Amino acid sequence: MKTNPILEEVWRIKDQLAADAGYDMDRFVEQLRAWSAVHPPSGPVVRNAEELRQLMVEEERQRAGESALVLNEKPPRKKR
Protein backbone atom coordinates (compact mmCIF):
# COMPACT_ATOMS: atom_id res chain seq x y z
CA MET A 1 0.00 0.00 0.00
CA LYS A 2 1.27 3.47 -0.90
CA THR A 3 1.79 5.96 1.88
CA ASN A 4 0.78 9.58 1.56
CA PRO A 5 3.30 11.81 3.37
CA ILE A 6 0.88 14.75 3.55
CA LEU A 7 -1.83 12.69 5.24
CA GLU A 8 0.70 11.13 7.59
CA GLU A 9 1.87 14.60 8.63
CA VAL A 10 -1.72 15.78 9.20
CA TRP A 11 -2.47 12.70 11.31
CA ARG A 12 0.75 13.17 13.31
CA ILE A 13 -0.12 16.81 14.07
CA LYS A 14 -3.71 15.85 14.95
CA ASP A 15 -2.48 13.22 17.38
CA GLN A 16 -0.01 15.66 18.95
CA LEU A 17 -2.67 18.37 19.40
CA ALA A 18 -5.07 15.84 20.93
CA ALA A 19 -2.39 14.62 23.33
CA ASP A 20 -1.49 18.22 24.30
CA ALA A 21 -5.14 18.78 25.25
CA GLY A 22 -5.33 15.52 27.18
CA TYR A 23 -7.80 14.20 24.58
CA ASP A 24 -10.38 16.66 26.03
CA MET A 25 -12.32 18.47 23.30
CA ASP A 26 -13.28 21.43 25.52
CA ARG A 27 -9.64 21.94 26.49
CA PHE A 28 -8.57 21.63 22.85
CA VAL A 29 -11.04 24.32 21.75
CA GLU A 30 -9.90 26.56 24.61
CA GLN A 31 -6.26 26.16 23.52
CA LEU A 32 -7.24 26.80 19.89
CA ARG A 33 -9.03 30.04 20.81
CA ALA A 34 -6.05 31.20 22.89
CA TRP A 35 -3.68 30.46 20.00
CA SER A 36 -5.98 32.24 17.53
CA ALA A 37 -6.06 35.35 19.71
CA VAL A 38 -2.25 35.51 19.71
CA HIS A 39 -1.92 34.67 15.99
CA PRO A 40 -4.61 36.57 14.01
CA PRO A 41 -4.88 35.76 10.27
CA SER A 42 -2.48 37.76 8.11
CA GLY A 43 -4.41 37.32 4.85
CA PRO A 44 -7.99 37.09 3.71
CA VAL A 45 -10.30 34.79 5.68
CA VAL A 46 -12.39 32.55 3.42
CA ARG A 47 -15.61 31.37 5.04
CA ASN A 48 -17.30 29.53 2.15
CA ALA A 49 -16.84 28.31 -1.41
CA GLU A 50 -18.27 31.48 -2.96
CA GLU A 51 -15.74 33.69 -1.14
CA LEU A 52 -12.97 31.35 -2.32
CA ARG A 53 -14.18 31.61 -5.93
CA GLN A 54 -14.26 35.42 -5.71
CA LEU A 55 -10.76 35.49 -4.24
CA MET A 56 -9.43 33.24 -7.00
CA VAL A 57 -11.06 35.35 -9.72
CA GLU A 58 -9.52 38.52 -8.29
CA GLU A 59 -6.07 36.92 -8.07
CA GLU A 60 -6.33 35.73 -11.68
CA ARG A 61 -7.27 39.26 -12.79
CA GLN A 62 -4.25 40.67 -10.99
CA ARG A 63 -1.94 38.06 -12.51
CA ALA A 64 -3.29 38.76 -15.99
CA GLY A 65 -2.65 42.48 -15.54
CA GLU A 66 0.86 41.90 -14.20
CA SER A 67 1.80 39.50 -16.99
CA ALA A 68 0.61 41.99 -19.61
CA LEU A 69 2.97 44.56 -18.13
CA VAL A 70 5.85 42.12 -18.13
CA LEU A 71 5.42 41.31 -21.83
CA ASN A 72 5.60 44.97 -22.83
CA GLU A 73 9.39 45.41 -22.91
CA LYS A 74 9.67 48.64 -24.92
CA PRO A 75 8.25 51.97 -23.73
CA PRO A 76 5.51 53.51 -25.90
CA ARG A 77 6.65 55.91 -28.62
CA LYS A 78 6.04 59.59 -28.07
CA LYS A 79 3.54 61.20 -30.40
CA ARG A 80 4.76 64.33 -32.17
C-alpha atoms as a PDB file:
ATOM      1  CA  MET A   1       0.000   0.000   0.000  1.00  0.00           C
ATOM      2  CA  LYS A   2       1.271   3.467  -0.899  1.00  0.00           C
ATOM      3  CA  THR A   3       1.788   5.964   1.881  1.00  0.00           C
ATOM      4  CA  ASN A   4       0.776   9.582   1.564  1.00  0.00           C
ATOM      5  CA  PRO A   5       3.304  11.812   3.372  1.00  0.00           C
ATOM      6  CA  ILE A   6       0.885  14.751   3.549  1.00  0.00           C
ATOM      7  CA  LEU A   7      -1.832  12.687   5.236  1.00  0.00           C
ATOM      8  CA  GLU A   8       0.701  11.134   7.587  1.00  0.00           C
ATOM      9  CA  GLU A   9       1.868  14.600   8.633  1.00  0.00           C
ATOM     10  CA  VAL A  10      -1.716  15.782   9.205  1.00  0.00           C
ATOM     11  CA  TRP A  11      -2.465  12.701  11.314  1.00  0.00           C
ATOM     12  CA  ARG A  12       0.754  13.175  13.312  1.00  0.00           C
ATOM     13  CA  ILE A  13      -0.124  16.806  14.068  1.00  0.00           C
ATOM     14  CA  LYS A  14      -3.714  15.846  14.946  1.00  0.00           C
ATOM     15  CA  ASP A  15      -2.479  13.217  17.378  1.00  0.00           C
ATOM     16  CA  GLN A  16      -0.015  15.663  18.947  1.00  0.00           C
ATOM     17  CA  LEU A  17      -2.674  18.367  19.402  1.00  0.00           C
ATOM     18  CA  ALA A  18      -5.068  15.838  20.933  1.00  0.00           C
ATOM     19  CA  ALA A  19      -2.386  14.620  23.332  1.00  0.00           C
ATOM     20  CA  ASP A  20      -1.486  18.221  24.303  1.00  0.00           C
ATOM     21  CA  ALA A  21      -5.142  18.780  25.250  1.00  0.00           C
ATOM     22  CA  GLY A  22      -5.325  15.524  27.179  1.00  0.00           C
ATOM     23  CA  TYR A  23      -7.804  14.203  24.579  1.00  0.00           C
ATOM     24  CA  ASP A  24     -10.377  16.658  26.027  1.00  0.00           C
ATOM     25  CA  MET A  25     -12.321  18.471  23.295  1.00  0.00           C
ATOM     26  CA  ASP A  26     -13.280  21.431  25.517  1.00  0.00           C
ATOM     27  CA  ARG A  27      -9.642  21.940  26.490  1.00  0.00           C
ATOM     28  CA  PHE A  28      -8.572  21.626  22.849  1.00  0.00           C
ATOM     29  CA  VAL A  29     -11.040  24.316  21.755  1.00  0.00           C
ATOM     30  CA  GLU A  30      -9.896  26.562  24.613  1.00  0.00           C
ATOM     31  CA  GLN A  31      -6.265  26.158  23.515  1.00  0.00           C
ATOM     32  CA  LEU A  32      -7.243  26.798  19.886  1.00  0.00           C
ATOM     33  CA  ARG A  33      -9.031  30.040  20.812  1.00  0.00           C
ATOM     34  CA  ALA A  34      -6.052  31.202  22.886  1.00  0.00           C
ATOM     35  CA  TRP A  35      -3.678  30.460  20.005  1.00  0.00           C
ATOM     36  CA  SER A  36      -5.979  32.238  17.531  1.00  0.00           C
ATOM     37  CA  ALA A  37      -6.061  35.353  19.714  1.00  0.00           C
ATOM     38  CA  VAL A  38      -2.249  35.510  19.711  1.00  0.00           C
ATOM     39  CA  HIS A  39      -1.925  34.673  15.988  1.00  0.00           C
ATOM     40  CA  PRO A  40      -4.613  36.565  14.008  1.00  0.00           C
ATOM     41  CA  PRO A  41      -4.878  35.758  10.273  1.00  0.00           C
ATOM     42  CA  SER A  42      -2.484  37.760   8.106  1.00  0.00           C
ATOM     43  CA  GLY A  43      -4.409  37.316   4.846  1.00  0.00           C
ATOM     44  CA  PRO A  44      -7.990  37.087   3.714  1.00  0.00           C
ATOM     45  CA  VAL A  45     -10.298  34.789   5.675  1.00  0.00           C
ATOM     46  CA  VAL A  46     -12.388  32.548   3.419  1.00  0.00           C
ATOM     47  CA  ARG A  47     -15.613  31.365   5.038  1.00  0.00           C
ATOM     48  CA  ASN A  48     -17.297  29.529   2.155  1.00  0.00           C
ATOM     49  CA  ALA A  49     -16.844  28.305  -1.409  1.00  0.00           C
ATOM     50  CA  GLU A  50     -18.268  31.479  -2.959  1.00  0.00           C
ATOM     51  CA  GLU A  51     -15.744  33.685  -1.142  1.00  0.00           C
ATOM     52  CA  LEU A  52     -12.970  31.350  -2.315  1.00  0.00           C
ATOM     53  CA  ARG A  53     -14.178  31.610  -5.925  1.00  0.00           C
ATOM     54  CA  GLN A  54     -14.264  35.417  -5.706  1.00  0.00           C
ATOM     55  CA  LEU A  55     -10.757  35.488  -4.240  1.00  0.00           C
ATOM     56  CA  MET A  56      -9.433  33.237  -7.000  1.00  0.00           C
ATOM     57  CA  VAL A  57     -11.057  35.345  -9.723  1.00  0.00           C
ATOM     58  CA  GLU A  58      -9.515  38.518  -8.292  1.00  0.00           C
ATOM     59  CA  GLU A  59      -6.073  36.920  -8.071  1.00  0.00           C
ATOM     60  CA  GLU A  60      -6.330  35.731 -11.679  1.00  0.00           C
ATOM     61  CA  ARG A  61      -7.271  39.263 -12.793  1.00  0.00           C
ATOM     62  CA  GLN A  62      -4.254  40.674 -10.989  1.00  0.00           C
ATOM     63  CA  ARG A  63      -1.936  38.064 -12.514  1.00  0.00           C
ATOM     64  CA  ALA A  64      -3.292  38.761 -15.989  1.00  0.00           C
ATOM     65  CA  GLY A  65      -2.649  42.479 -15.539  1.00  0.00           C
ATOM     66  CA  GLU A  66       0.859  41.902 -14.201  1.00  0.00           C
ATOM     67  CA  SER A  67       1.797  39.498 -16.986  1.00  0.00           C
ATOM     68  CA  ALA A  68       0.610  41.992 -19.607  1.00  0.00           C
ATOM     69  CA  LEU A  69       2.966  44.564 -18.130  1.00  0.00           C
ATOM     70  CA  VAL A  70       5.845  42.123 -18.134  1.00  0.00           C
ATOM     71  CA  LEU A  71       5.416  41.307 -21.826  1.00  0.00           C
ATOM     72  CA  ASN A  72       5.598  44.972 -22.826  1.00  0.00           C
ATOM     73  CA  GLU A  73       9.393  45.410 -22.909  1.00  0.00           C
ATOM     74  CA  LYS A  74       9.674  48.643 -24.922  1.00  0.00           C
ATOM     75  CA  PRO A  75       8.247  51.968 -23.734  1.00  0.00           C
ATOM     76  CA  PRO A  76       5.514  53.513 -25.899  1.00  0.00           C
ATOM     77  CA  ARG A  77       6.645  55.906 -28.621  1.00  0.00           C
ATOM     78  CA  LYS A  78       6.044  59.593 -28.067  1.00  0.00           C
ATOM     79  CA  LYS A  79       3.542  61.201 -30.402  1.00  0.00           C
ATOM     80  CA  ARG A  80       4.763  64.330 -32.171  1.00  0.00           C
END
